[in-house]
Protein backbone atom coordinates (compact mmCIF):
# COMPACT_ATOMS: atom_id res chain seq x y z
CA UNK A 1 6.25 -0.10 -29.79
CA UNK A 2 8.95 -2.27 -28.08
CA UNK A 3 8.73 -5.97 -28.58
CA UNK A 4 8.27 -6.38 -24.72
CA UNK A 5 4.71 -4.96 -24.95
CA UNK A 6 1.71 -5.82 -26.92
CA UNK A 7 1.57 -4.39 -30.42
CA UNK A 8 -1.53 -2.38 -31.18
CA UNK A 9 -3.25 -1.30 -34.43
CA UNK A 10 -3.58 2.15 -33.05
CA UNK A 11 -1.89 3.99 -30.20
CA UNK A 12 -3.43 3.11 -26.88
CA UNK A 13 -4.14 5.78 -24.27
CA UNK A 14 -1.26 6.23 -21.92
CA UNK A 15 -0.99 6.62 -18.10
CA UNK A 16 1.73 8.13 -15.91
CA UNK A 17 3.58 6.53 -12.97
CA UNK A 18 4.88 8.63 -10.13
CA UNK A 19 7.53 8.24 -7.57
CA UNK A 20 5.98 7.48 -4.13
CA UNK A 21 8.99 9.16 -2.54
CA UNK A 22 8.90 12.52 -4.39
CA UNK A 23 5.62 12.58 -6.37
CA UNK A 24 7.52 13.19 -9.49
CA UNK A 25 6.55 11.64 -12.77
CA UNK A 26 8.59 8.44 -13.53
CA UNK A 27 7.36 7.29 -16.99
CA UNK A 28 4.33 6.91 -19.34
CA UNK A 29 3.01 3.61 -20.49
CA UNK A 30 0.22 2.45 -22.69
CA UNK A 31 -3.06 1.46 -21.08
CA UNK A 32 -3.82 -1.69 -23.09
CA UNK A 33 -7.48 -2.67 -23.75
CA UNK A 34 -9.10 -5.96 -24.53
CA UNK A 35 -8.08 -5.88 -28.30
CA UNK A 36 -4.43 -5.31 -27.41
CA UNK A 37 -4.48 -7.94 -24.68
CA UNK A 38 -6.12 -10.38 -27.10
CA UNK A 39 -3.48 -9.81 -29.78
CA UNK A 40 -0.75 -10.24 -27.05
CA UNK A 41 -2.28 -13.61 -26.08
CA UNK A 42 -2.49 -14.70 -29.77
CA UNK A 43 1.13 -13.55 -30.36
CA UNK A 44 2.41 -15.65 -27.44
CA UNK A 45 0.45 -18.61 -28.46
CA UNK A 46 1.95 -18.42 -31.94
CA UNK A 47 5.45 -19.01 -30.51
CA UNK A 48 4.71 -21.16 -27.50
CA UNK A 49 4.38 -24.40 -29.39
CA UNK A 50 7.99 -24.12 -30.64
CA UNK A 51 9.23 -23.45 -27.15
CA UNK A 52 7.34 -26.40 -25.63
CA UNK A 53 8.78 -28.64 -28.38
CA UNK A 54 12.35 -27.94 -27.30
CA UNK A 55 14.18 -30.47 -25.06
CA UNK A 56 14.13 -29.34 -21.47
CA UNK A 57 17.91 -28.83 -21.66
CA UNK A 58 17.50 -26.34 -24.47
CA UNK A 59 14.83 -24.43 -22.44
CA UNK A 60 17.17 -24.51 -19.52
CA UNK A 61 20.01 -22.95 -21.40
CA UNK A 62 17.79 -20.19 -22.79
CA UNK A 63 16.46 -19.31 -19.34
CA UNK A 64 19.94 -19.35 -17.96
CA UNK A 65 20.90 -16.76 -20.63
CA UNK A 66 18.00 -14.78 -19.48
CA UNK A 67 19.24 -15.09 -15.94
CA UNK A 68 22.66 -13.92 -16.91
CA UNK A 69 21.20 -10.91 -18.68
CA UNK A 70 19.12 -10.03 -15.47
CA UNK A 71 22.40 -10.33 -13.36
CA UNK A 72 24.36 -8.16 -15.84
CA UNK A 73 21.63 -5.47 -15.65
CA UNK A 74 21.05 -5.82 -11.89
CA UNK A 75 21.71 -2.22 -11.29
CA UNK A 76 19.40 -1.05 -13.95
CA UNK A 77 16.58 -3.40 -12.88
CA UNK A 78 16.97 -2.55 -9.14
CA UNK A 79 16.90 1.25 -10.00
CA UNK A 80 13.67 0.76 -11.92
CA UNK A 81 12.18 -1.06 -8.94
CA UNK A 82 13.34 1.53 -6.47
CA UNK A 83 12.06 4.37 -8.70
CA UNK A 84 8.49 2.77 -8.99
CA UNK A 85 8.15 1.51 -5.38
CA UNK A 86 10.15 3.97 -3.44
CA UNK A 87 12.06 1.21 -1.64
CA UNK A 88 15.75 1.62 -0.82
CA UNK A 89 18.18 0.69 -3.72
CA UNK A 90 19.60 -2.08 -1.42
CA UNK A 91 16.26 -3.67 -0.89
CA UNK A 92 15.59 -3.52 -4.65
CA UNK A 93 18.95 -5.20 -5.41
CA UNK A 94 18.17 -7.93 -2.93
CA UNK A 95 14.82 -8.55 -4.70
CA UNK A 96 16.68 -9.03 -7.95
CA UNK A 97 19.13 -11.47 -6.33
CA UNK A 98 16.32 -13.57 -4.87
CA UNK A 99 14.74 -13.60 -8.35
CA UNK A 100 17.85 -14.92 -9.85
CA UNK A 101 18.04 -17.72 -7.38
CA UNK A 102 14.62 -18.85 -8.18
CA UNK A 103 15.01 -18.54 -12.02
CA UNK A 104 18.16 -20.59 -11.80
CA UNK A 105 16.41 -23.34 -9.77
CA UNK A 106 13.47 -23.53 -12.16
CA UNK A 107 15.62 -23.63 -15.21
CA UNK A 108 17.90 -26.43 -13.84
CA UNK A 109 15.18 -28.49 -12.32
CA UNK A 110 12.21 -28.41 -14.73
CA UNK A 111 13.45 -31.29 -16.83
CA UNK A 112 13.87 -33.64 -13.75
CA UNK A 113 10.61 -32.71 -12.14
CA UNK A 114 8.44 -32.77 -15.34
CA UNK A 115 9.91 -35.71 -17.27
CA UNK A 116 7.89 -38.79 -18.06
CA UNK A 117 8.06 -41.29 -15.25
CA UNK A 118 6.82 -44.88 -14.92
CA UNK A 119 4.19 -45.82 -12.32
CA UNK A 120 3.46 -49.24 -10.91
CA UNK A 121 0.37 -51.14 -12.00
CA UNK A 122 -1.86 -53.53 -10.00
CA UNK A 123 -2.34 -57.28 -10.21
CA UNK A 124 -5.13 -57.08 -12.73
CA UNK A 125 -3.24 -54.56 -14.89
CA UNK A 126 0.20 -56.35 -14.90
CA UNK A 127 0.02 -56.55 -18.66
CA UNK A 128 -0.01 -52.71 -18.95
CA UNK A 129 3.05 -50.32 -18.79
CA UNK A 130 1.98 -47.24 -17.13
CA UNK A 131 3.51 -43.65 -17.08
CA UNK A 132 2.59 -40.06 -16.61
CA UNK A 133 4.07 -36.84 -18.01
CA UNK A 134 3.46 -33.15 -17.11
CA UNK A 135 2.71 -31.13 -20.22
CA UNK A 136 2.73 -27.36 -20.44
CA UNK A 137 -0.64 -25.63 -20.40
CA UNK A 138 0.04 -23.22 -23.34
CA UNK A 139 -0.34 -19.52 -22.49
CA UNK A 140 -0.20 -18.47 -18.82
CA UNK A 141 -1.46 -14.98 -17.72
CA UNK A 142 0.19 -13.40 -14.73
CA UNK A 143 -1.14 -10.46 -12.87
CA UNK A 144 1.59 -9.15 -10.54
CA UNK A 145 1.74 -6.91 -7.47
CA UNK A 146 3.50 -3.60 -6.75
CA UNK A 147 5.26 -4.49 -3.53
CA UNK A 148 7.71 -6.87 -5.08
CA UNK A 149 7.27 -6.21 -8.71
CA UNK A 150 9.98 -8.68 -9.85
CA UNK A 151 10.41 -11.36 -7.33
CA UNK A 152 6.72 -12.17 -6.60
CA UNK A 153 5.49 -12.38 -10.36
CA UNK A 154 8.61 -14.30 -11.36
CA UNK A 155 7.54 -17.08 -9.00
CA UNK A 156 4.87 -17.71 -11.67
CA UNK A 157 6.65 -16.37 -14.86
CA UNK A 158 10.01 -18.12 -14.48
CA UNK A 159 8.38 -21.39 -13.40
CA UNK A 160 5.78 -21.28 -16.25
CA UNK A 161 8.31 -20.63 -18.87
CA UNK A 162 10.54 -23.45 -17.48
CA UNK A 163 7.56 -25.79 -17.77
CA UNK A 164 7.27 -24.90 -21.48
CA UNK A 165 4.55 -22.39 -21.42
CA UNK A 166 4.38 -18.77 -22.91
CA UNK A 167 3.43 -15.82 -20.60
CA UNK A 168 1.47 -12.71 -20.84
CA UNK A 169 2.32 -10.47 -17.92
CA UNK A 170 0.26 -7.66 -16.53
CA UNK A 171 2.23 -5.79 -13.87
CA UNK A 172 0.66 -3.43 -11.36
CA UNK A 173 -0.19 -0.09 -12.73
CA UNK A 174 2.20 1.39 -10.15
CA UNK A 175 5.21 -0.64 -11.38
CA UNK A 176 4.75 -1.35 -15.16
CA UNK A 177 8.31 -0.31 -15.99
CA UNK A 178 9.73 -3.36 -14.13
CA UNK A 179 7.52 -5.55 -16.24
CA UNK A 180 8.41 -3.99 -19.50
CA UNK A 181 12.08 -4.22 -18.71
CA UNK A 182 11.79 -7.85 -17.66
CA UNK A 183 10.24 -8.87 -21.09
CA UNK A 184 12.75 -6.77 -23.01
CA UNK A 185 15.58 -8.56 -21.34
CA UNK A 186 14.09 -11.90 -22.09
CA UNK A 187 13.59 -11.04 -25.80
CA UNK A 188 17.19 -9.67 -26.10
CA UNK A 189 18.62 -12.79 -24.40
CA UNK A 190 16.53 -15.28 -26.19
CA UNK A 191 15.91 -13.73 -29.61
CA UNK A 192 14.95 -17.01 -31.29
CA UNK A 193 11.87 -17.08 -29.01
CA UNK A 194 11.12 -13.35 -28.88
CA UNK A 195 7.60 -12.65 -27.82
CA UNK A 196 7.23 -15.77 -25.70
CA UNK A 197 7.05 -13.35 -22.73
CA UNK A 198 4.97 -10.33 -23.42
CA UNK A 199 4.06 -7.55 -21.08
CA UNK A 200 0.77 -5.56 -21.31
CA UNK A 201 0.31 -2.53 -19.14
CA UNK A 202 -2.71 -0.80 -17.59
CA UNK A 203 -4.98 -0.81 -14.46
CA UNK A 204 -7.69 -3.04 -13.51
CA UNK A 205 -9.50 -3.12 -16.88
CA UNK A 206 -6.26 -4.52 -18.52
CA UNK A 207 -6.29 -7.22 -15.86
CA UNK A 208 -9.95 -7.98 -16.51
CA UNK A 209 -9.13 -8.28 -20.24
CA UNK A 210 -6.36 -10.68 -19.61
CA UNK A 211 -8.63 -12.85 -17.47
CA UNK A 212 -11.14 -12.91 -20.30
CA UNK A 213 -8.58 -13.35 -23.09
CA UNK A 214 -8.54 -17.23 -23.26
CA UNK A 215 -5.25 -17.87 -21.38
CA UNK A 216 -4.85 -21.42 -20.25
CA UNK A 217 -4.30 -20.43 -16.58
CA UNK A 218 -4.19 -17.15 -14.65
CA UNK A 219 -1.77 -16.60 -11.76
CA UNK A 220 -2.82 -13.64 -9.65
CA UNK A 221 -1.16 -11.86 -6.78
CA UNK A 222 -3.09 -9.21 -4.81
CA UNK A 223 -5.91 -8.61 -2.21
CA UNK A 224 -8.37 -11.27 -1.41
CA UNK A 225 -11.23 -8.98 -2.55
CA UNK A 226 -9.64 -8.42 -5.96
CA UNK A 227 -8.85 -12.17 -6.21
CA UNK A 228 -12.53 -13.01 -5.75
CA UNK A 229 -13.45 -10.63 -8.70
CA UNK A 230 -10.83 -12.01 -10.94
CA UNK A 231 -11.69 -15.65 -10.02
CA UNK A 232 -15.34 -14.90 -10.96
CA UNK A 233 -14.36 -13.75 -14.34
CA UNK A 234 -12.10 -16.86 -14.76
CA UNK A 235 -14.96 -19.07 -13.67
CA UNK A 236 -17.07 -17.94 -16.68
CA UNK A 237 -14.67 -19.95 -18.92
CA UNK A 238 -13.43 -22.47 -16.40
CA UNK A 239 -9.95 -20.93 -16.65
CA UNK A 240 -7.71 -22.42 -13.96
CA UNK A 241 -6.74 -19.90 -11.36
CA UNK A 242 -3.93 -19.49 -8.91
CA UNK A 243 -4.31 -16.86 -6.13
CA UNK A 244 -1.47 -15.57 -3.82
CA UNK A 245 -3.15 -13.13 -1.59
CA UNK A 246 -2.53 -11.37 1.64
CA UNK A 247 -1.27 -12.51 5.05
CA UNK A 248 -1.43 -11.70 8.79
CA UNK A 249 1.63 -13.67 9.64
CA UNK A 250 2.29 -14.50 13.36
CA UNK A 251 5.45 -15.13 15.19
CA UNK A 252 5.48 -17.26 18.39
CA UNK A 253 8.30 -16.70 20.89
CA UNK A 254 8.82 -19.17 23.74
CA UNK A 255 10.43 -18.71 27.06
CA UNK A 256 13.74 -20.29 26.01
CA UNK A 257 14.10 -18.36 22.78
CA UNK A 258 17.17 -16.17 21.96
CA UNK A 259 15.33 -12.84 22.53
CA UNK A 260 18.08 -10.88 20.84
CA UNK A 261 17.70 -12.80 17.67
CA UNK A 262 13.97 -12.92 17.90
CA UNK A 263 13.80 -9.12 18.36
CA UNK A 264 16.13 -8.51 15.35
CA UNK A 265 14.10 -10.79 13.06
CA UNK A 266 10.72 -9.41 14.17
CA UNK A 267 11.86 -5.86 13.40
CA UNK A 268 13.11 -6.76 9.96
CA UNK A 269 10.03 -8.95 9.18
CA UNK A 270 7.68 -6.25 10.32
CA UNK A 271 9.32 -3.12 8.98
CA UNK A 272 11.28 -4.04 5.80
CA UNK A 273 9.76 -2.69 2.66
CA UNK A 274 7.65 -0.53 4.98
CA UNK A 275 5.81 -3.49 6.08
CA UNK A 276 4.43 -4.00 2.58
CA UNK A 277 5.02 -7.71 2.56
CA UNK A 278 2.33 -10.34 2.27
CA UNK A 279 4.25 -12.73 4.45
CA UNK A 280 5.59 -10.04 6.64
CA UNK A 281 5.31 -10.11 10.51
CA UNK A 282 2.19 -8.33 11.83
CA UNK A 283 1.38 -10.27 15.06
CA UNK A 284 3.67 -11.66 17.74
CA UNK A 285 2.67 -13.91 20.64
CA UNK A 286 5.13 -14.14 23.29
CA UNK A 287 4.88 -16.20 26.48
CA UNK A 288 4.27 -13.88 29.52
CA UNK A 289 7.65 -14.61 31.21
CA UNK A 290 9.68 -12.95 28.40
CA UNK A 291 7.03 -10.57 26.88
CA UNK A 292 8.16 -7.32 28.54
CA UNK A 293 11.87 -8.00 27.67
CA UNK A 294 11.10 -8.92 24.07
CA UNK A 295 9.00 -5.72 23.74
CA UNK A 296 11.92 -3.66 25.01
CA UNK A 297 14.30 -5.21 22.61
CA UNK A 298 11.96 -4.73 19.58
CA UNK A 299 11.38 -1.11 20.54
CA UNK A 300 15.06 -0.41 21.05
CA UNK A 301 15.84 -1.80 17.49
CA UNK A 302 12.84 -0.24 15.75
CA UNK A 303 13.35 3.32 17.09
CA UNK A 304 16.87 3.36 15.73
CA UNK A 305 15.77 2.80 12.15
CA UNK A 306 15.87 5.90 9.82
CA UNK A 307 12.98 6.23 7.37
CA UNK A 308 12.51 8.40 4.38
CA UNK A 309 14.02 8.82 0.88
CA UNK A 310 17.72 9.16 2.03
CA UNK A 311 20.48 6.76 1.14
CA UNK A 312 20.59 5.70 4.79
CA UNK A 313 16.91 4.85 5.08
CA UNK A 314 15.98 1.47 6.44
CA UNK A 315 12.77 1.72 4.43
CA UNK A 316 10.96 4.20 2.30
CA UNK A 317 7.53 5.46 1.72
CA UNK A 318 4.24 3.59 1.41
CA UNK A 319 4.01 2.71 -2.40
CA UNK A 320 0.17 2.70 -2.48
CA UNK A 321 -1.09 6.01 -1.16
CA UNK A 322 -4.34 4.63 -0.08
CA UNK A 323 -2.73 2.18 2.27
CA UNK A 324 -1.62 4.99 4.54
CA UNK A 325 -5.17 5.49 5.64
CA UNK A 326 -5.57 1.86 6.42
CA UNK A 327 -2.50 1.83 8.62
CA UNK A 328 -3.68 4.90 10.47
CA UNK A 329 -7.13 3.41 11.03
CA UNK A 330 -5.62 0.16 12.47
CA UNK A 331 -3.21 1.97 14.76
CA UNK A 332 -5.85 4.44 15.99
CA UNK A 333 -8.31 1.75 16.51
CA UNK A 334 -5.82 -0.47 18.46
CA UNK A 335 -5.08 2.23 20.83
CA UNK A 336 -8.73 3.32 21.21
CA UNK A 337 -9.60 -0.37 22.07
CA UNK A 338 -7.12 -0.43 24.93
CA UNK A 339 -3.84 -1.36 23.21
CA UNK A 340 -0.65 0.29 24.12
CA UNK A 341 1.64 2.05 21.68
CA UNK A 342 5.11 1.15 22.89
CA UNK A 343 6.66 3.03 19.96
CA UNK A 344 4.90 5.59 17.70
CA UNK A 345 1.17 5.67 17.35
CA UNK A 346 -1.35 7.51 15.24
CA UNK A 347 1.04 10.41 15.00
CA UNK A 348 3.64 8.17 13.23
CA UNK A 349 1.69 8.56 9.98
CA UNK A 350 3.06 11.40 7.86
CA UNK A 351 2.12 10.36 4.33
CA UNK A 352 3.68 9.00 2.32
CA UNK A 353 5.91 7.86 5.23
CA UNK A 354 4.98 5.85 8.38
CA UNK A 355 7.36 5.75 11.27
CA UNK A 356 7.77 2.44 13.01
CA UNK A 357 4.86 1.46 15.25
CA UNK A 358 5.11 -1.16 18.05
CA UNK A 359 1.94 -2.01 19.79
CA UNK A 360 1.06 -4.39 22.74
CA UNK A 361 -2.05 -5.63 24.53
CA UNK A 362 -4.19 -5.13 21.45
CA UNK A 363 -7.54 -6.86 21.62
CA UNK A 364 -7.62 -9.89 19.42
CA UNK A 365 -10.82 -8.58 17.60
CA UNK A 366 -9.28 -5.12 16.76
CA UNK A 367 -8.69 -4.56 13.09
CA UNK A 368 -4.88 -4.37 13.67
CA UNK A 369 -5.07 -8.06 14.67
CA UNK A 370 -7.67 -9.36 12.16
CA UNK A 371 -7.06 -7.30 8.95
CA UNK A 372 -3.98 -7.12 6.87
CA UNK A 373 -2.31 -3.85 7.91
CA UNK A 374 0.41 -3.87 5.25
CA UNK A 375 2.43 -1.19 6.94
CA UNK A 376 5.38 -0.77 9.33
CA UNK A 377 3.18 -1.88 12.33
CA UNK A 378 3.65 -4.96 14.61
CA UNK A 379 1.55 -5.93 17.65
CA UNK A 380 3.22 -8.03 20.44
CA UNK A 381 0.72 -9.69 22.77
CA UNK A 382 1.43 -11.82 25.82
CA UNK A 383 0.04 -15.35 26.07
CA UNK A 384 -0.01 -17.88 28.94
CA UNK A 385 1.75 -20.68 27.03
CA UNK A 386 2.56 -22.09 23.53
CA UNK A 387 -0.99 -23.62 23.35
CA UNK A 388 -2.62 -20.25 23.62
CA UNK A 389 -0.11 -18.82 21.12
CA UNK A 390 -0.82 -21.49 18.55
CA UNK A 391 -4.61 -21.01 19.09
CA UNK A 392 -4.44 -17.29 18.52
CA UNK A 393 -2.07 -17.62 15.53
CA UNK A 394 -4.42 -20.04 13.92
CA UNK A 395 -7.51 -17.88 14.59
CA UNK A 396 -6.81 -15.60 11.58
CA UNK A 397 -8.72 -15.98 8.35
CA UNK A 398 -5.34 -15.70 6.58
CA UNK A 399 -2.91 -18.71 6.51
CA UNK A 400 0.20 -17.80 4.57
CA UNK A 401 3.39 -17.80 6.73
CA UNK A 402 4.44 -17.83 10.35
CA UNK A 403 7.62 -18.11 12.44
CA UNK A 404 8.60 -19.67 15.77
CA UNK A 405 11.46 -18.64 17.98
CA UNK A 406 12.43 -21.23 20.64
CA UNK A 407 15.40 -22.98 22.28
CA UNK A 408 15.74 -25.84 19.80
CA UNK A 409 14.94 -26.61 16.25
CA UNK A 410 13.21 -29.83 17.04
CA UNK A 411 10.88 -28.11 19.49
CA UNK A 412 10.21 -25.33 16.90
CA UNK A 413 9.38 -27.85 14.11
CA UNK A 414 6.80 -29.47 16.57
CA UNK A 415 5.26 -26.17 17.09
CA UNK A 416 5.32 -25.32 13.36
CA UNK A 417 3.47 -28.60 12.62
CA UNK A 418 0.53 -27.25 14.67
CA UNK A 419 0.29 -23.90 12.74
CA UNK A 420 -2.26 -23.36 10.01
CA UNK A 421 0.18 -21.81 7.68
CA UNK A 422 1.42 -22.60 4.27
CA UNK A 423 5.13 -22.01 5.35
CA UNK A 424 6.79 -21.66 8.69
CA UNK A 425 10.35 -20.55 9.63
CA UNK A 426 11.94 -21.72 12.80
CA UNK A 427 14.39 -19.25 14.51
CA UNK A 428 14.16 -16.93 11.45
CA UNK A 429 11.61 -15.06 9.49
CA UNK A 430 10.72 -15.62 5.81
CA UNK A 431 13.40 -18.26 5.61
CA UNK A 432 11.17 -20.35 3.40
CA UNK A 433 10.83 -17.49 0.78
CA UNK A 434 14.54 -17.60 -0.06
CA UNK A 435 14.71 -21.43 -0.65
CA UNK A 436 13.71 -22.02 -4.28
CA UNK A 437 12.93 -25.67 -3.82
CA UNK A 438 10.20 -24.91 -1.29
CA UNK A 439 6.66 -24.22 -2.42
CA UNK A 440 5.01 -20.90 -1.36
CA UNK A 441 1.35 -20.22 -0.82
CA UNK A 442 -1.52 -20.28 1.62
CA UNK A 443 -5.09 -21.00 2.36
CA UNK A 444 -8.19 -19.11 3.40
CA UNK A 445 -7.94 -15.44 2.56
CA UNK A 446 -4.28 -15.99 1.70
CA UNK A 447 -5.39 -17.70 -1.56
CA UNK A 448 -4.66 -21.22 -2.95
CA UNK A 449 -2.21 -22.97 -5.09
CA UNK A 450 1.58 -22.95 -4.87
CA UNK A 451 4.36 -21.21 -6.60
CA UNK A 452 8.17 -22.12 -6.25
CA UNK A 453 9.71 -25.49 -5.98
CA UNK A 454 8.50 -28.66 -7.71
CA UNK A 455 4.79 -27.84 -6.85
CA UNK A 456 5.44 -24.38 -8.50
CA UNK A 457 6.57 -26.08 -11.79
CA UNK A 458 3.72 -28.67 -11.78
CA UNK A 459 1.21 -25.76 -11.21
CA UNK A 460 1.76 -24.67 -14.77
CA UNK A 461 1.32 -28.09 -16.40
CA UNK A 462 -1.41 -30.67 -17.00
CA UNK A 463 -0.80 -34.29 -16.30
CA UNK A 464 -1.25 -36.94 -18.98
CA UNK A 465 -1.56 -40.60 -18.00
CA UNK A 466 -0.53 -43.32 -20.49
CA UNK A 467 -0.92 -47.08 -20.51
CA UNK A 468 0.76 -49.30 -23.19
CA UNK A 469 -0.35 -52.99 -23.35
CA UNK A 470 2.68 -55.08 -23.12
CA UNK A 471 1.10 -58.41 -23.81
CA UNK A 472 -2.35 -59.95 -24.23
CA UNK A 473 -3.74 -60.90 -20.80
CA UNK A 474 -4.90 -64.46 -20.21
CA UNK A 475 -8.15 -63.13 -18.85
CA UNK A 476 -9.33 -60.03 -20.82
CA UNK A 477 -11.72 -58.43 -18.32
CA UNK A 478 -12.27 -55.38 -20.60
CA UNK A 479 -14.14 -57.48 -23.24
CA UNK A 480 -17.72 -58.58 -23.65
CA UNK A 481 -16.36 -61.93 -24.69
CA UNK A 482 -15.26 -62.82 -21.18
CA UNK A 483 -17.55 -65.72 -19.81
CA UNK A 484 -19.52 -64.78 -16.73
CA UNK A 485 -18.06 -67.58 -14.72
CA UNK A 486 -14.53 -66.29 -15.47
CA UNK A 487 -15.42 -62.74 -14.49
CA UNK A 488 -16.95 -64.12 -11.30
CA UNK A 489 -13.80 -66.00 -10.38
CA UNK A 490 -11.68 -62.87 -10.99
CA UNK A 491 -13.95 -60.87 -8.71
CA UNK A 492 -13.75 -63.46 -5.92
CA UNK A 493 -10.04 -63.64 -6.23
CA UNK A 494 -9.78 -59.77 -5.85
CA UNK A 495 -12.18 -59.87 -2.93
CA UNK A 496 -9.99 -62.62 -1.22
CA UNK A 497 -6.81 -60.63 -1.76
CA UNK A 498 -8.24 -57.45 -0.48
CA UNK A 499 -9.70 -58.92 2.65
CA UNK A 500 -6.12 -59.45 3.68
CA UNK A 501 -4.23 -56.64 5.49
């Protein structure tokens, strides 16, 4: 077995992956069980201490060599992603490029963000020198998704490694080849620390085994329902848990917005990757004055997009076969409830492909407005004003991303500040996802915790606080030998000081 997967004492059963576009077999992979997963964690733990002991500059250099290897093999990595997900080759290549940007940022900034830093002390602890440092946790388990099988899990993997941890990665059973290739490239690029990133493959039972394996933190990306199950397992051992779940992202469009730019962004945000994006656009709230024109522009752009497996396709098939039924249910339910299909409709679903669907006037309690559709469907509803748009956008149980289109950036930022979302783009969609320094994550059914940026590095560390006594204080309040009168004077002095503003 390759070094990129957990070694087993006996051959594990295998499973086969299939192309979502053609249905043809892609590859076979071992279905690792609890014993194999446990050995993988032990193997990573055995080499992690040496990695953590390196100066941050050395870890940076190693990770940049890995980045170079990924860039050199970009076509191979993108082809693997495309084969397993069905997405167009260009989209897969863009996913690799975004991953490279984030890995470079994490490698180059971990030393600065996590280094020991001094903190000020108070009046009564002036004799102490205080500092804090962020230390690696140890072994981090990562359970990745299938929709962005490289970019999304690398938001945890790359940052955890940069922080000094080792990683056991369990990719989706739909995209295991991407995870195996990722670990192999790391081991080839950083042979002195081979095994620090190890991939285990399998379905839900493999993920369950990883959650029970004694990792020091588990980072999960997937549905809210599965997150609750995995978190319950982690709770048994108080294993820290980070959850990046789904979204029902809204776009607000004001009367003074550039409608051409808004329409173009909405179409891309809603339909790219066949709509299989956690922070993709699913709801649009446009003020009534420009609602009709915006709908016309969105429909015009969407209906021109070719779909399928061809080289010219704007997006490919649904990667998860079962999601097709969800999309069909949402579209059918929206129309039955009084919504209008401006483009496509229930007949747009021809598994494994779904043609673009643009809806309007969909009741806010319809499944298409409350549940994550995760398909190439967007609903554009009219609102009286921005206040109503904000109220409707915030009514969702999801709170991941959002976007605002308006005449000015300052006005857009003011609207963004009112939105219950973890990240907001003004006059673009998903702009925040491409900026490595910005944290990414949500709340509610979108999960909790943050990846990316400084917060993403700190997420895979523990904080140690240290005080060093510089001199013996004239009044040692932390001693039983302090006279009661002295202690009383100190208390009254503090009281007097803190009564002041």
